[in-house]
Amino acid sequence: MIAITNKKVQTVQPVAWAPFYGFSLLFDHPGDSYDPLGGSADFETIHCRSEEPKLSFYRALWERTQETVQLERKFSFCPLPLHSYHVTVWDGLNDFNVGKLREGDRDAAAAFVRGLPATMLTDRSILYGEDGAPLAIETAPVEFKFDMLEKWNSSVVARIKPANDESAYALQRIEDQRSRLTRVYFERFGIVTSTDDYRPHVSIGYFANKELGALAEAAVEELHDRLKPAMESLTITFGGISLYGMTDMETFIRRTQQ
């Protein structure tokens, strides 16, 4: 019997994702990439579609990484579905780090996180700074291209990098704002929610535990070698950044955009 110690994974075969609540700033997807959340007028959820031309980068990435039978069978790898693909810009509070908060902040923050996404409408204390400004990072359009496939602890990610000089400059401005936001949250809550070293990526999936993930290095490298030629001519462009709540690793929700 496989030991599942990754808190984001509920079952391996079939793959099911455990509840995992939190909020982050993510790049907004281009094209037809969102659905109303349960018919709600207030929220929409990421839903990447294979037929959306502006998501051809995601589609090719997902199609090529379906060649993970060895990873799934031998190393209990759990691939994420295409509809969940995203690129995180900055991590906020979540089930993993909320327990590290000071005692005076912990209960309220935990209730906020567990109440997502509804608390995004009702609670300003977590999502707004002391100056009244909302959590936000501004950006010009950023175009990314594939860099490499890597194993990070219990996950497999596709690293991405700027496709041109303009995007590299825009990414530097994002990194500056990201570092400032991390400092603001550290001063406010006493924890570091995101590292200064920003490595933009698309998560491909997770291993059931670190021990099996540690054995999969060579298999991930082989998958990278098959993937790289198919991705060389493809890019994806993001035009903005928004706040998203998550309830598990395939469900990311933002307030409905007008």
C-alpha atoms as a PDB file:
ATOM      1  CA  MET A   1       0.000   0.000   0.000  1.00  0.00           C
ATOM      2  CA  ILE A   2       1.340   3.410  -1.014  1.00  0.00           C
ATOM      3  CA  ALA A   3       1.931   5.841   1.843  1.00  0.00           C
ATOM      4  CA  ILE A   4       0.446   9.215   0.904  1.00  0.00           C
ATOM      5  CA  THR A   5       2.241  11.901   2.892  1.00  0.00           C
ATOM      6  CA  ASN A   6       1.771  14.730   0.392  1.00  0.00           C
ATOM      7  CA  LYS A   7      -1.006  16.822   1.938  1.00  0.00           C
ATOM      8  CA  LYS A   8      -2.201  17.896  -1.503  1.00  0.00           C
ATOM      9  CA  VAL A   9      -2.952  14.326  -2.650  1.00  0.00           C
ATOM     10  CA  GLN A  10      -5.963  12.346  -1.435  1.00  0.00           C
ATOM     11  CA  THR A  11      -5.776   9.186  -3.576  1.00  0.00           C
ATOM     12  CA  VAL A  12      -3.378   7.982  -6.270  1.00  0.00           C
ATOM     13  CA  GLN A  13      -5.359   5.580  -8.480  1.00  0.00           C
ATOM     14  CA  PRO A  14      -7.610   7.188  -9.417  1.00  0.00           C
ATOM     15  CA  VAL A  15      -6.054  10.576  -8.702  1.00  0.00           C
ATOM     16  CA  ALA A  16      -8.055  12.738  -6.318  1.00  0.00           C
ATOM     17  CA  TRP A  17      -6.903  15.960  -4.723  1.00  0.00           C
ATOM     18  CA  ALA A  18      -7.143  16.612  -1.010  1.00  0.00           C
ATOM     19  CA  PRO A  19      -8.734  19.833   0.248  1.00  0.00           C
ATOM     20  CA  PHE A  20      -6.045  22.521   0.364  1.00  0.00           C
ATOM     21  CA  TYR A  21      -7.156  26.093   0.998  1.00  0.00           C
ATOM     22  CA  GLY A  22      -5.289  29.317   0.486  1.00  0.00           C
ATOM     23  CA  PHE A  23      -4.904  32.407  -1.655  1.00  0.00           C
ATOM     24  CA  SER A  24      -2.245  33.566  -4.102  1.00  0.00           C
ATOM     25  CA  LEU A  25      -1.647  36.069  -6.854  1.00  0.00           C
ATOM     26  CA  LEU A  26      -1.674  34.305 -10.230  1.00  0.00           C
ATOM     27  CA  PHE A  27      -1.221  35.424 -13.804  1.00  0.00           C
ATOM     28  CA  ASP A  28      -4.582  35.860 -15.532  1.00  0.00           C
ATOM     29  CA  HIS A  29      -5.130  33.518 -18.444  1.00  0.00           C
ATOM     30  CA  PRO A  30      -5.812  34.754 -21.966  1.00  0.00           C
ATOM     31  CA  GLY A  31      -8.814  33.757 -24.065  1.00  0.00           C
ATOM     32  CA  ASP A  32     -11.713  31.567 -23.014  1.00  0.00           C
ATOM     33  CA  SER A  33     -10.193  30.254 -19.787  1.00  0.00           C
ATOM     34  CA  TYR A  34     -12.807  30.750 -17.051  1.00  0.00           C
ATOM     35  CA  ASP A  35     -16.170  29.357 -15.973  1.00  0.00           C
ATOM     36  CA  PRO A  36     -18.677  30.711 -13.439  1.00  0.00           C
ATOM     37  CA  LEU A  37     -18.239  28.974 -10.108  1.00  0.00           C
ATOM     38  CA  GLY A  38     -21.386  26.930  -9.558  1.00  0.00           C
ATOM     39  CA  GLY A  39     -23.476  29.496 -11.383  1.00  0.00           C
ATOM     40  CA  SER A  40     -22.237  32.257  -9.062  1.00  0.00           C
ATOM     41  CA  ALA A  41     -22.203  35.801 -10.375  1.00  0.00           C
ATOM     42  CA  ASP A  42     -19.439  36.701  -7.916  1.00  0.00           C
ATOM     43  CA  PHE A  43     -16.760  34.141  -8.739  1.00  0.00           C
ATOM     44  CA  GLU A  44     -15.204  32.367 -11.687  1.00  0.00           C
ATOM     45  CA  THR A  45     -12.815  29.447 -11.745  1.00  0.00           C
ATOM     46  CA  ILE A  46      -9.850  28.736 -13.999  1.00  0.00           C
ATOM     47  CA  HIS A  47     -10.812  26.322 -16.759  1.00  0.00           C
ATOM     48  CA  CYS A  48      -8.099  25.996 -19.397  1.00  0.00           C
ATOM     49  CA  ARG A  49      -9.535  24.593 -22.622  1.00  0.00           C
ATOM     50  CA  SER A  50      -7.559  22.580 -25.146  1.00  0.00           C
ATOM     51  CA  GLU A  51      -9.373  24.278 -28.041  1.00  0.00           C
ATOM     52  CA  GLU A  52      -8.427  27.820 -26.944  1.00  0.00           C
ATOM     53  CA  PRO A  53      -5.726  29.041 -29.413  1.00  0.00           C
ATOM     54  CA  LYS A  54      -4.153  31.379 -26.865  1.00  0.00           C
ATOM     55  CA  LEU A  55      -3.481  28.382 -24.616  1.00  0.00           C
ATOM     56  CA  SER A  56      -1.605  26.307 -27.212  1.00  0.00           C
ATOM     57  CA  PHE A  57       1.440  26.375 -24.914  1.00  0.00           C
ATOM     58  CA  TYR A  58      -0.557  24.742 -22.121  1.00  0.00           C
ATOM     59  CA  ARG A  59      -2.166  22.274 -24.508  1.00  0.00           C
ATOM     60  CA  ALA A  60       1.166  21.079 -25.902  1.00  0.00           C
ATOM     61  CA  LEU A  61       2.618  20.861 -22.411  1.00  0.00           C
ATOM     62  CA  TRP A  62      -0.305  18.799 -21.169  1.00  0.00           C
ATOM     63  CA  GLU A  63      -0.367  16.501 -24.217  1.00  0.00           C
ATOM     64  CA  ARG A  64       3.346  15.712 -23.998  1.00  0.00           C
ATOM     65  CA  THR A  65       3.314  15.183 -20.254  1.00  0.00           C
ATOM     66  CA  GLN A  66       0.593  12.569 -20.579  1.00  0.00           C
ATOM     67  CA  GLU A  67       3.525  10.266 -21.283  1.00  0.00           C
ATOM     68  CA  THR A  68       3.821   9.701 -17.540  1.00  0.00           C
ATOM     69  CA  VAL A  69       2.736   6.067 -17.254  1.00  0.00           C
ATOM     70  CA  GLN A  70       6.115   5.097 -15.790  1.00  0.00           C
ATOM     71  CA  LEU A  71       5.977   7.955 -13.306  1.00  0.00           C
ATOM     72  CA  GLU A  72       2.425   7.100 -12.312  1.00  0.00           C
ATOM     73  CA  ARG A  73       2.906   3.357 -11.910  1.00  0.00           C
ATOM     74  CA  LYS A  74       6.419   3.211 -10.515  1.00  0.00           C
ATOM     75  CA  PHE A  75       6.596   6.430  -8.511  1.00  0.00           C
ATOM     76  CA  SER A  76       2.937   7.179  -7.662  1.00  0.00           C
ATOM     77  CA  PHE A  77       2.941  10.407  -9.656  1.00  0.00           C
ATOM     78  CA  CYS A  78      -0.386  12.250  -9.817  1.00  0.00           C
ATOM     79  CA  PRO A  79      -0.689  14.429 -12.954  1.00  0.00           C
ATOM     80  CA  LEU A  80      -2.743  17.603 -12.772  1.00  0.00           C
ATOM     81  CA  PRO A  81      -5.558  18.096 -15.299  1.00  0.00           C
ATOM     82  CA  LEU A  82      -5.175  20.650 -18.085  1.00  0.00           C
ATOM     83  CA  HIS A  83      -8.027  22.789 -16.794  1.00  0.00           C
ATOM     84  CA  SER A  84      -6.044  23.568 -13.633  1.00  0.00           C
ATOM     85  CA  TYR A  85      -2.817  24.821 -15.258  1.00  0.00           C
ATOM     86  CA  HIS A  86      -1.669  28.192 -13.930  1.00  0.00           C
ATOM     87  CA  VAL A  87       1.391  30.270 -13.032  1.00  0.00           C
ATOM     88  CA  THR A  88       1.664  31.578  -9.478  1.00  0.00           C
ATOM     89  CA  VAL A  89       3.223  34.999  -8.948  1.00  0.00           C
ATOM     90  CA  TRP A  90       3.074  35.262  -5.146  1.00  0.00           C
ATOM     91  CA  ASP A  91       1.852  32.936  -2.402  1.00  0.00           C
ATOM     92  CA  GLY A  92      -0.224  34.244   0.488  1.00  0.00           C
ATOM     93  CA  LEU A  93      -1.690  32.340   3.407  1.00  0.00           C
ATOM     94  CA  ASN A  94      -2.734  28.706   3.083  1.00  0.00           C
ATOM     95  CA  ASP A  95      -3.317  25.517   5.037  1.00  0.00           C
ATOM     96  CA  PHE A  96       0.426  24.879   5.121  1.00  0.00           C
ATOM     97  CA  ASN A  97       1.609  28.150   6.656  1.00  0.00           C
ATOM     98  CA  VAL A  98      -1.374  29.542   8.570  1.00  0.00           C
ATOM     99  CA  GLY A  99      -0.475  27.436  11.604  1.00  0.00           C
ATOM    100  CA  LYS A 100       2.853  29.300  11.819  1.00  0.00           C
ATOM    101  CA  LEU A 101       1.189  32.639  12.509  1.00  0.00           C
ATOM    102  CA  ARG A 102       1.350  34.361  15.865  1.00  0.00           C
ATOM    103  CA  GLU A 103      -1.323  33.192  18.261  1.00  0.00           C
ATOM    104  CA  GLY A 104      -3.199  36.484  18.066  1.00  0.00           C
ATOM    105  CA  ASP A 105      -3.533  36.221  14.275  1.00  0.00           C
ATOM    106  CA  ARG A 106      -3.836  32.475  13.812  1.00  0.00           C
ATOM    107  CA  ASP A 107      -7.510  31.764  14.471  1.00  0.00           C
ATOM    108  CA  ALA A 108      -8.856  34.630  12.359  1.00  0.00           C
ATOM    109  CA  ALA A 109      -6.499  33.841   9.483  1.00  0.00           C
ATOM    110  CA  ALA A 110      -7.329  30.124   9.598  1.00  0.00           C
ATOM    111  CA  ALA A 111     -11.049  30.921   9.506  1.00  0.00           C
ATOM    112  CA  PHE A 112     -10.476  33.214   6.539  1.00  0.00           C
ATOM    113  CA  VAL A 113      -8.524  30.568   4.637  1.00  0.00           C
ATOM    114  CA  ARG A 114     -11.065  27.830   5.334  1.00  0.00           C
ATOM    115  CA  GLY A 115     -13.892  30.147   4.298  1.00  0.00           C
ATOM    116  CA  LEU A 116     -12.494  30.699   0.798  1.00  0.00           C
ATOM    117  CA  PRO A 117     -13.672  31.768  -1.679  1.00  0.00           C
ATOM    118  CA  ALA A 118     -16.606  33.447   0.131  1.00  0.00           C
ATOM    119  CA  THR A 119     -14.300  35.347   2.502  1.00  0.00           C
ATOM    120  CA  MET A 120     -12.759  37.128  -0.489  1.00  0.00           C
ATOM    121  CA  LEU A 121     -15.980  39.174  -0.558  1.00  0.00           C
ATOM    122  CA  THR A 122     -16.536  39.706   3.144  1.00  0.00           C
ATOM    123  CA  ASP A 123     -13.187  40.069   4.925  1.00  0.00           C
ATOM    124  CA  ARG A 124     -10.891  42.970   4.083  1.00  0.00           C
ATOM    125  CA  SER A 125      -8.525  42.529   7.015  1.00  0.00           C
ATOM    126  CA  ILE A 126      -6.419  39.812   5.362  1.00  0.00           C
ATOM    127  CA  LEU A 127      -6.518  40.941   1.735  1.00  0.00           C
ATOM    128  CA  TYR A 128      -5.923  44.660   2.248  1.00  0.00           C
ATOM    129  CA  GLY A 129      -2.894  46.443   3.622  1.00  0.00           C
ATOM    130  CA  GLU A 130      -2.879  48.844   6.524  1.00  0.00           C
ATOM    131  CA  ASP A 131      -3.040  51.674   3.988  1.00  0.00           C
ATOM    132  CA  GLY A 132      -6.306  50.269   2.617  1.00  0.00           C
ATOM    133  CA  ALA A 133      -4.756  49.107  -0.661  1.00  0.00           C
ATOM    134  CA  PRO A 134      -5.669  45.602  -1.874  1.00  0.00           C
ATOM    135  CA  LEU A 135      -3.069  42.897  -2.415  1.00  0.00           C
ATOM    136  CA  ALA A 136      -1.957  43.503  -5.975  1.00  0.00           C
ATOM    137  CA  ILE A 137       0.952  43.352  -8.392  1.00  0.00           C
ATOM    138  CA  GLU A 138       0.719  45.393 -11.581  1.00  0.00           C
ATOM    139  CA  THR A 139       2.235  44.231 -14.851  1.00  0.00           C
ATOM    140  CA  ALA A 140       2.561  44.911 -18.530  1.00  0.00           C
ATOM    141  CA  PRO A 141       1.919  41.891 -20.777  1.00  0.00           C
ATOM    142  CA  VAL A 142       4.526  39.169 -20.247  1.00  0.00           C
ATOM    143  CA  GLU A 143       5.320  36.515 -22.847  1.00  0.00           C
ATOM    144  CA  PHE A 144       6.883  33.281 -21.605  1.00  0.00           C
ATOM    145  CA  LYS A 145       8.535  30.324 -23.295  1.00  0.00           C
ATOM    146  CA  PHE A 146       9.499  26.875 -22.054  1.00  0.00           C
ATOM    147  CA  ASP A 147      12.720  26.541 -20.086  1.00  0.00           C
ATOM    148  CA  MET A 148      12.944  23.056 -18.547  1.00  0.00           C
ATOM    149  CA  LEU A 149      11.066  20.285 -16.791  1.00  0.00           C
ATOM    150  CA  GLU A 150      12.238  19.763 -13.213  1.00  0.00           C
ATOM    151  CA  LYS A 151      11.428  17.788 -10.096  1.00  0.00           C
ATOM    152  CA  TRP A 152      10.976  19.964  -7.023  1.00  0.00           C
ATOM    153  CA  ASN A 153      10.705  17.823  -3.894  1.00  0.00           C
ATOM    154  CA  SER A 154       7.273  16.183  -4.275  1.00  0.00           C
ATOM    155  CA  SER A 155       6.290  17.937  -7.507  1.00  0.00           C
ATOM    156  CA  VAL A 156       7.152  18.113 -11.204  1.00  0.00           C
ATOM    157  CA  VAL A 157       7.112  21.564 -12.775  1.00  0.00           C
ATOM    158  CA  ALA A 158       7.700  23.132 -16.168  1.00  0.00           C
ATOM    159  CA  ARG A 159       9.989  26.128 -15.657  1.00  0.00           C
ATOM    160  CA  ILE A 160       9.239  29.061 -17.944  1.00  0.00           C
ATOM    161  CA  LYS A 161      11.272  32.157 -18.825  1.00  0.00           C
ATOM    162  CA  PRO A 162      10.700  35.489 -20.616  1.00  0.00           C
ATOM    163  CA  ALA A 163      10.456  35.135 -24.379  1.00  0.00           C
ATOM    164  CA  ASN A 164      11.909  38.586 -25.187  1.00  0.00           C
ATOM    165  CA  ASP A 165      13.596  41.634 -23.664  1.00  0.00           C
ATOM    166  CA  GLU A 166      10.330  43.480 -23.021  1.00  0.00           C
ATOM    167  CA  SER A 167       8.998  40.529 -21.058  1.00  0.00           C
ATOM    168  CA  ALA A 168      12.253  40.216 -19.126  1.00  0.00           C
ATOM    169  CA  TYR A 169      11.918  43.857 -18.075  1.00  0.00           C
ATOM    170  CA  ALA A 170       8.268  43.362 -17.094  1.00  0.00           C
ATOM    171  CA  LEU A 171       9.220  40.293 -15.068  1.00  0.00           C
ATOM    172  CA  GLN A 172      11.854  42.287 -13.187  1.00  0.00           C
ATOM    173  CA  ARG A 173       9.191  44.847 -12.228  1.00  0.00           C
ATOM    174  CA  ILE A 174       6.987  41.989 -11.025  1.00  0.00           C
ATOM    175  CA  GLU A 175       9.821  40.595  -8.917  1.00  0.00           C
ATOM    176  CA  ASP A 176      10.377  43.994  -7.295  1.00  0.00           C
ATOM    177  CA  GLN A 177       6.696  44.279  -6.352  1.00  0.00           C
ATOM    178  CA  ARG A 178       6.644  40.675  -5.224  1.00  0.00           C
ATOM    179  CA  SER A 179       9.544  41.221  -2.821  1.00  0.00           C
ATOM    180  CA  ARG A 180       7.842  44.316  -1.419  1.00  0.00           C
ATOM    181  CA  LEU A 181       4.618  42.392  -0.839  1.00  0.00           C
ATOM    182  CA  THR A 182       6.498  39.593   0.918  1.00  0.00           C
ATOM    183  CA  ARG A 183       8.107  42.144   3.241  1.00  0.00           C
ATOM    184  CA  VAL A 184       4.739  43.737   3.986  1.00  0.00           C
ATOM    185  CA  TYR A 185       3.278  40.364   4.927  1.00  0.00           C
ATOM    186  CA  PHE A 186       6.293  39.469   7.040  1.00  0.00           C
ATOM    187  CA  GLU A 187       5.982  42.716   8.986  1.00  0.00           C
ATOM    188  CA  ARG A 188       2.291  42.110   9.451  1.00  0.00           C
ATOM    189  CA  PHE A 189       2.131  38.377  10.199  1.00  0.00           C
ATOM    190  CA  GLY A 190       5.692  37.393  11.093  1.00  0.00           C
ATOM    191  CA  ILE A 191       6.100  34.702   8.404  1.00  0.00           C
ATOM    192  CA  VAL A 192       7.611  34.613   4.921  1.00  0.00           C
ATOM    193  CA  THR A 193       4.926  33.370   2.527  1.00  0.00           C
ATOM    194  CA  SER A 194       7.079  33.492  -0.643  1.00  0.00           C
ATOM    195  CA  THR A 195      10.816  33.249  -1.230  1.00  0.00           C
ATOM    196  CA  ASP A 196      12.679  36.130  -2.880  1.00  0.00           C
ATOM    197  CA  ASP A 197      13.936  33.759  -5.572  1.00  0.00           C
ATOM    198  CA  TYR A 198      11.020  33.791  -8.027  1.00  0.00           C
ATOM    199  CA  ARG A 199      11.039  30.898 -10.486  1.00  0.00           C
ATOM    200  CA  PRO A 200       7.895  31.059 -12.641  1.00  0.00           C
ATOM    201  CA  HIS A 201       6.556  27.623 -13.516  1.00  0.00           C
ATOM    202  CA  VAL A 202       3.554  25.490 -14.375  1.00  0.00           C
ATOM    203  CA  SER A 203       2.962  22.616 -11.965  1.00  0.00           C
ATOM    204  CA  ILE A 204       2.502  19.338 -13.852  1.00  0.00           C
ATOM    205  CA  GLY A 205       1.700  17.095 -10.902  1.00  0.00           C
ATOM    206  CA  TYR A 206       2.703  15.735  -7.507  1.00  0.00           C
ATOM    207  CA  PHE A 207       4.174  12.560  -6.046  1.00  0.00           C
ATOM    208  CA  ALA A 208       2.342  10.760  -3.251  1.00  0.00           C
ATOM    209  CA  ASN A 209       5.412  11.118  -1.032  1.00  0.00           C
ATOM    210  CA  LYS A 210       8.928  12.563  -1.070  1.00  0.00           C
ATOM    211  CA  GLU A 211      10.621   9.163  -0.961  1.00  0.00           C
ATOM    212  CA  LEU A 212       9.122   8.050  -4.281  1.00  0.00           C
ATOM    213  CA  GLY A 213       9.718  11.486  -5.753  1.00  0.00           C
ATOM    214  CA  ALA A 214      13.399  11.248  -4.857  1.00  0.00           C
ATOM    215  CA  LEU A 215      13.681   8.065  -6.942  1.00  0.00           C
ATOM    216  CA  ALA A 216      12.107   9.641 -10.032  1.00  0.00           C
ATOM    217  CA  GLU A 217      14.880  12.049 -11.049  1.00  0.00           C
ATOM    218  CA  ALA A 218      16.014  10.070 -14.106  1.00  0.00           C
ATOM    219  CA  ALA A 219      12.444   9.495 -15.311  1.00  0.00           C
ATOM    220  CA  VAL A 220      11.722  13.233 -15.103  1.00  0.00           C
ATOM    221  CA  GLU A 221      14.892  14.005 -17.060  1.00  0.00           C
ATOM    222  CA  GLU A 222      13.817  11.560 -19.778  1.00  0.00           C
ATOM    223  CA  LEU A 223      10.416  13.232 -19.968  1.00  0.00           C
ATOM    224  CA  HIS A 224      12.126  16.622 -20.279  1.00  0.00           C
ATOM    225  CA  ASP A 225      14.164  15.366 -23.243  1.00  0.00           C
ATOM    226  CA  ARG A 226      10.973  14.290 -25.033  1.00  0.00           C
ATOM    227  CA  LEU A 227       9.116  17.463 -24.116  1.00  0.00           C
ATOM    228  CA  LYS A 228      11.638  20.174 -24.998  1.00  0.00           C
ATOM    229  CA  PRO A 229      11.571  19.842 -28.834  1.00  0.00           C
ATOM    230  CA  ALA A 230       7.766  20.062 -28.869  1.00  0.00           C
ATOM    231  CA  MET A 231       7.762  23.251 -26.802  1.00  0.00           C
ATOM    232  CA  GLU A 232      10.535  25.246 -28.482  1.00  0.00           C
ATOM    233  CA  SER A 233       8.322  27.319 -30.805  1.00  0.00           C
ATOM    234  CA  LEU A 234       5.456  27.926 -28.363  1.00  0.00           C
ATOM    235  CA  THR A 235       4.814  30.819 -25.988  1.00  0.00           C
ATOM    236  CA  ILE A 236       2.069  32.041 -23.687  1.00  0.00           C
ATOM    237  CA  THR A 237       1.264  35.682 -22.900  1.00  0.00           C
ATOM    238  CA  PHE A 238      -0.305  36.934 -19.680  1.00  0.00           C
ATOM    239  CA  GLY A 239      -1.825  40.396 -19.549  1.00  0.00           C
ATOM    240  CA  GLY A 240      -2.544  40.794 -15.851  1.00  0.00           C
ATOM    241  CA  ILE A 241      -2.334  39.427 -12.320  1.00  0.00           C
ATOM    242  CA  SER A 242      -5.255  38.817  -9.938  1.00  0.00           C
ATOM    243  CA  LEU A 243      -5.971  37.410  -6.506  1.00  0.00           C
ATOM    244  CA  TYR A 244      -7.172  33.791  -6.501  1.00  0.00           C
ATOM    245  CA  GLY A 245      -8.474  31.527  -3.785  1.00  0.00           C
ATOM    246  CA  MET A 246      -7.871  27.787  -3.990  1.00  0.00           C
ATOM    247  CA  THR A 247      -9.696  24.879  -2.430  1.00  0.00           C
ATOM    248  CA  ASP A 248      -7.503  22.084  -3.845  1.00  0.00           C
ATOM    249  CA  MET A 249      -4.809  21.721  -6.480  1.00  0.00           C
ATOM    250  CA  GLU A 250      -7.205  21.841  -9.415  1.00  0.00           C
ATOM    251  CA  THR A 251      -9.588  24.597  -8.280  1.00  0.00           C
ATOM    252  CA  PHE A 252      -8.504  28.243  -8.480  1.00  0.00           C
ATOM    253  CA  ILE A 253     -11.085  30.983  -8.105  1.00  0.00           C
ATOM    254  CA  ARG A 254     -11.084  34.740  -8.631  1.00  0.00           C
ATOM    255  CA  ARG A 255     -13.739  37.411  -8.379  1.00  0.00           C
ATOM    256  CA  THR A 256     -15.664  37.691 -11.625  1.00  0.00           C
ATOM    257  CA  GLN A 257     -14.012  40.134 -14.016  1.00  0.00           C
ATOM    258  CA  GLN A 258     -16.276  42.705 -15.623  1.00  0.00           C
END
